[in-house]
Amino acid sequence: MVPEDLEQKYITSPFIERICVHADRLQDALVCVIIPNAKSFLDLFGVKIEVILFDRMTLISFSYTSVRTHQPRTWAKSRRSYSQS
C-alpha cells in the first residue's frame, strides 16, 4: 500500500480537512493522522468533534459535544456504545 494513494483517496471525503499517512518499514501497519472537517460534522450531525482515533484504518473511538445539548460524549468500538465523558 502506498501512503500517497491513501491520502489522495481519503482527502476527497467532505469530513476530512487534512490527512497524513506514514509508512515505517519496521512496523506492520501505516500511521495516519486526520484533521476532521469540523464544519461538515457540525452541519450534518450537529456535533463538534473533539478527538477521533483509528487503528489500522478502523474507527475505534471518537469524542464529541452535541451543539443542541452541550453534553460531551464518547463512543468506543470495544463497548459499541455511547457514554458521557
N, C-alpha and C. Protein backbone atom coordinates (compact mmCIF):
# COMPACT_ATOMS: atom_id res chain seq x y z
N MET A 1 0.83 -1.17 0.00
CA MET A 1 0.00 0.00 0.00
C MET A 1 0.88 1.24 0.00
N VAL A 2 0.58 2.17 -0.83
CA VAL A 2 1.35 3.41 -0.93
C VAL A 2 0.62 4.51 -0.15
N PRO A 3 1.29 5.13 0.82
CA PRO A 3 0.63 6.15 1.64
C PRO A 3 0.00 7.29 0.83
N GLU A 4 0.69 7.73 -0.20
CA GLU A 4 0.18 8.84 -1.01
C GLU A 4 -1.14 8.47 -1.68
N ASP A 5 -1.28 7.22 -2.11
CA ASP A 5 -2.54 6.78 -2.73
C ASP A 5 -3.69 6.85 -1.74
N LEU A 6 -3.44 6.45 -0.50
CA LEU A 6 -4.48 6.53 0.53
C LEU A 6 -4.84 7.97 0.85
N GLU A 7 -3.82 8.82 0.92
CA GLU A 7 -4.09 10.24 1.17
C GLU A 7 -4.99 10.82 0.09
N GLN A 8 -4.67 10.53 -1.17
CA GLN A 8 -5.46 11.04 -2.28
C GLN A 8 -6.89 10.51 -2.27
N LYS A 9 -7.07 9.28 -1.84
CA LYS A 9 -8.41 8.68 -1.77
C LYS A 9 -9.24 9.34 -0.67
N TYR A 10 -8.68 9.44 0.54
CA TYR A 10 -9.45 9.92 1.68
C TYR A 10 -9.61 11.42 1.74
N ILE A 11 -8.73 12.19 1.11
CA ILE A 11 -8.85 13.65 1.14
C ILE A 11 -10.09 14.12 0.40
N THR A 12 -10.67 13.28 -0.43
CA THR A 12 -11.89 13.65 -1.16
C THR A 12 -13.13 13.62 -0.28
N SER A 13 -13.04 13.04 0.91
CA SER A 13 -14.18 12.99 1.84
C SER A 13 -14.48 14.39 2.36
N PRO A 14 -15.76 14.76 2.42
CA PRO A 14 -16.10 16.07 2.98
C PRO A 14 -15.83 16.16 4.48
N PHE A 15 -15.57 15.03 5.13
CA PHE A 15 -15.33 15.02 6.57
C PHE A 15 -13.85 15.12 6.93
N ILE A 16 -12.98 15.16 5.93
CA ILE A 16 -11.54 15.24 6.18
C ILE A 16 -10.99 16.56 5.66
N GLU A 17 -10.41 17.33 6.58
CA GLU A 17 -9.79 18.60 6.23
C GLU A 17 -8.36 18.37 5.73
N ARG A 18 -7.59 17.59 6.49
CA ARG A 18 -6.21 17.24 6.13
C ARG A 18 -5.94 15.80 6.55
N ILE A 19 -4.99 15.19 5.85
CA ILE A 19 -4.62 13.81 6.17
C ILE A 19 -3.15 13.59 5.87
N CYS A 20 -2.50 12.81 6.71
CA CYS A 20 -1.11 12.43 6.50
C CYS A 20 -0.99 10.95 6.82
N VAL A 21 -0.55 10.15 5.86
CA VAL A 21 -0.35 8.72 6.05
C VAL A 21 1.15 8.46 5.99
N HIS A 22 1.66 7.72 6.98
CA HIS A 22 3.10 7.47 7.08
C HIS A 22 3.36 5.96 7.15
N ALA A 23 4.33 5.51 6.39
CA ALA A 23 4.74 4.10 6.43
C ALA A 23 6.12 4.00 7.06
N ASP A 24 6.27 3.04 7.94
CA ASP A 24 7.55 2.77 8.60
C ASP A 24 7.91 1.31 8.30
N ARG A 25 9.06 1.08 7.71
CA ARG A 25 9.46 -0.28 7.34
C ARG A 25 9.53 -1.22 8.53
N LEU A 26 9.70 -0.68 9.71
CA LEU A 26 9.81 -1.51 10.91
C LEU A 26 8.45 -1.87 11.51
N GLN A 27 7.40 -1.29 10.99
CA GLN A 27 6.05 -1.55 11.52
C GLN A 27 5.23 -2.31 10.48
N ASP A 28 4.24 -3.06 10.95
CA ASP A 28 3.39 -3.82 10.02
C ASP A 28 2.11 -3.08 9.65
N ALA A 29 1.99 -1.83 10.08
CA ALA A 29 0.79 -1.05 9.76
C ALA A 29 1.18 0.40 9.45
N LEU A 30 0.31 1.09 8.74
CA LEU A 30 0.52 2.50 8.45
C LEU A 30 0.05 3.34 9.63
N VAL A 31 0.61 4.53 9.75
CA VAL A 31 0.16 5.51 10.74
C VAL A 31 -0.52 6.63 9.97
N CYS A 32 -1.69 7.02 10.45
CA CYS A 32 -2.46 8.05 9.75
C CYS A 32 -2.90 9.11 10.74
N VAL A 33 -2.68 10.37 10.38
CA VAL A 33 -3.17 11.49 11.18
C VAL A 33 -4.20 12.21 10.33
N ILE A 34 -5.41 12.36 10.89
CA ILE A 34 -6.50 13.02 10.16
C ILE A 34 -6.97 14.22 10.95
N ILE A 35 -7.10 15.35 10.28
CA ILE A 35 -7.74 16.52 10.87
C ILE A 35 -9.14 16.58 10.27
N PRO A 36 -10.16 16.37 11.10
CA PRO A 36 -11.52 16.35 10.56
C PRO A 36 -11.99 17.73 10.13
N ASN A 37 -12.91 17.75 9.20
CA ASN A 37 -13.54 18.99 8.77
C ASN A 37 -14.68 19.27 9.75
N ALA A 38 -14.42 20.11 10.71
CA ALA A 38 -15.38 20.38 11.79
C ALA A 38 -16.70 20.91 11.25
N LYS A 39 -16.66 21.72 10.21
CA LYS A 39 -17.89 22.29 9.66
C LYS A 39 -18.81 21.20 9.09
N SER A 40 -18.24 20.21 8.44
CA SER A 40 -19.05 19.12 7.89
C SER A 40 -19.77 18.35 8.98
N PHE A 41 -19.06 18.02 10.07
CA PHE A 41 -19.68 17.31 11.18
C PHE A 41 -20.76 18.16 11.84
N LEU A 42 -20.48 19.46 11.99
CA LEU A 42 -21.43 20.36 12.61
C LEU A 42 -22.68 20.50 11.75
N ASP A 43 -22.51 20.71 10.44
CA ASP A 43 -23.64 20.88 9.54
C ASP A 43 -24.49 19.62 9.43
N LEU A 44 -23.87 18.46 9.32
CA LEU A 44 -24.61 17.22 9.08
C LEU A 44 -25.15 16.59 10.35
N PHE A 45 -24.34 16.57 11.41
CA PHE A 45 -24.74 15.85 12.62
C PHE A 45 -25.03 16.76 13.82
N GLY A 46 -24.71 18.04 13.72
CA GLY A 46 -24.92 18.95 14.83
C GLY A 46 -24.00 18.68 16.01
N VAL A 47 -22.78 18.22 15.71
CA VAL A 47 -21.83 17.92 16.77
C VAL A 47 -20.49 18.59 16.49
N LYS A 48 -19.80 18.92 17.57
CA LYS A 48 -18.44 19.44 17.49
C LYS A 48 -17.50 18.29 17.81
N ILE A 49 -16.71 17.88 16.84
CA ILE A 49 -15.80 16.75 17.01
C ILE A 49 -14.60 17.18 17.83
N GLU A 50 -14.23 16.36 18.81
CA GLU A 50 -13.07 16.64 19.66
C GLU A 50 -11.88 15.77 19.25
N VAL A 51 -12.04 14.45 19.32
CA VAL A 51 -10.95 13.52 19.03
C VAL A 51 -11.51 12.32 18.30
N ILE A 52 -10.81 11.87 17.26
CA ILE A 52 -11.18 10.66 16.54
C ILE A 52 -9.95 9.76 16.53
N LEU A 53 -10.11 8.50 16.92
CA LEU A 53 -9.00 7.56 16.94
C LEU A 53 -9.27 6.38 16.02
N PHE A 54 -8.26 6.02 15.23
CA PHE A 54 -8.34 4.89 14.32
C PHE A 54 -7.22 3.91 14.65
N ASP A 55 -7.44 2.65 14.35
CA ASP A 55 -6.40 1.64 14.44
C ASP A 55 -6.50 0.79 13.19
N ARG A 56 -5.45 0.82 12.38
CA ARG A 56 -5.43 0.08 11.11
C ARG A 56 -6.63 0.45 10.23
N MET A 57 -6.89 1.75 10.15
CA MET A 57 -7.95 2.34 9.32
C MET A 57 -9.35 1.93 9.78
N THR A 58 -9.48 1.50 11.02
CA THR A 58 -10.78 1.16 11.60
C THR A 58 -11.07 2.14 12.73
N LEU A 59 -12.25 2.73 12.69
CA LEU A 59 -12.64 3.67 13.74
C LEU A 59 -12.72 2.93 15.07
N ILE A 60 -12.00 3.43 16.08
CA ILE A 60 -12.06 2.78 17.39
C ILE A 60 -12.71 3.66 18.45
N SER A 61 -12.64 4.97 18.31
CA SER A 61 -13.35 5.83 19.26
C SER A 61 -13.38 7.26 18.75
N PHE A 62 -14.35 8.01 19.25
CA PHE A 62 -14.36 9.44 18.99
C PHE A 62 -15.11 10.15 20.12
N SER A 63 -14.73 11.40 20.33
CA SER A 63 -15.36 12.23 21.34
C SER A 63 -15.96 13.43 20.64
N TYR A 64 -17.11 13.86 21.13
CA TYR A 64 -17.79 14.99 20.51
C TYR A 64 -18.68 15.68 21.53
N THR A 65 -19.12 16.88 21.19
CA THR A 65 -20.06 17.63 22.02
C THR A 65 -21.26 17.98 21.16
N SER A 66 -22.44 17.65 21.66
CA SER A 66 -23.67 17.98 20.95
C SER A 66 -23.93 19.47 21.03
N VAL A 67 -24.21 20.09 19.90
CA VAL A 67 -24.49 21.52 19.88
C VAL A 67 -25.83 21.80 20.57
N ARG A 68 -26.75 20.86 20.42
CA ARG A 68 -28.09 21.04 21.00
C ARG A 68 -28.09 20.90 22.52
N THR A 69 -27.44 19.86 23.05
CA THR A 69 -27.47 19.60 24.50
C THR A 69 -26.23 20.07 25.23
N HIS A 70 -25.16 20.37 24.51
CA HIS A 70 -23.87 20.78 25.08
C HIS A 70 -23.27 19.71 26.00
N GLN A 71 -23.65 18.46 25.79
CA GLN A 71 -23.11 17.37 26.60
C GLN A 71 -21.99 16.67 25.85
N PRO A 72 -20.81 16.57 26.49
CA PRO A 72 -19.72 15.81 25.87
C PRO A 72 -20.03 14.31 25.91
N ARG A 73 -19.71 13.62 24.83
CA ARG A 73 -19.95 12.18 24.75
C ARG A 73 -18.74 11.51 24.10
N THR A 74 -18.59 10.21 24.37
CA THR A 74 -17.53 9.41 23.77
C THR A 74 -18.12 8.10 23.28
N TRP A 75 -17.68 7.67 22.11
CA TRP A 75 -18.06 6.37 21.58
C TRP A 75 -16.80 5.56 21.40
N ALA A 76 -16.83 4.30 21.83
CA ALA A 76 -15.68 3.41 21.67
C ALA A 76 -16.13 2.11 21.05
N LYS A 77 -15.39 1.63 20.07
CA LYS A 77 -15.76 0.41 19.35
C LYS A 77 -15.84 -0.79 20.28
N SER A 78 -14.94 -0.89 21.23
CA SER A 78 -14.92 -2.07 22.10
C SER A 78 -16.22 -2.19 22.90
N ARG A 79 -16.80 -1.04 23.26
CA ARG A 79 -18.06 -1.06 24.00
C ARG A 79 -19.25 -0.99 23.07
N ARG A 80 -19.02 -0.45 21.86
CA ARG A 80 -20.08 -0.22 20.89
C ARG A 80 -21.25 0.53 21.51
N SER A 81 -20.91 1.51 22.29
CA SER A 81 -21.95 2.30 22.95
C SER A 81 -21.47 3.73 23.16
N TYR A 82 -22.41 4.56 23.53
CA TYR A 82 -22.09 5.95 23.81
C TYR A 82 -22.07 6.14 25.31
N SER A 83 -21.25 7.08 25.76
CA SER A 83 -21.22 7.40 27.18
C SER A 83 -20.88 8.87 27.35
N GLN A 84 -21.28 9.40 28.48
CA GLN A 84 -20.91 10.77 28.78
C GLN A 84 -19.50 10.80 29.29
N SER A 85 -18.76 11.84 28.90
CA SER A 85 -17.37 11.97 29.36
C SER A 85 -17.33 12.52 30.76
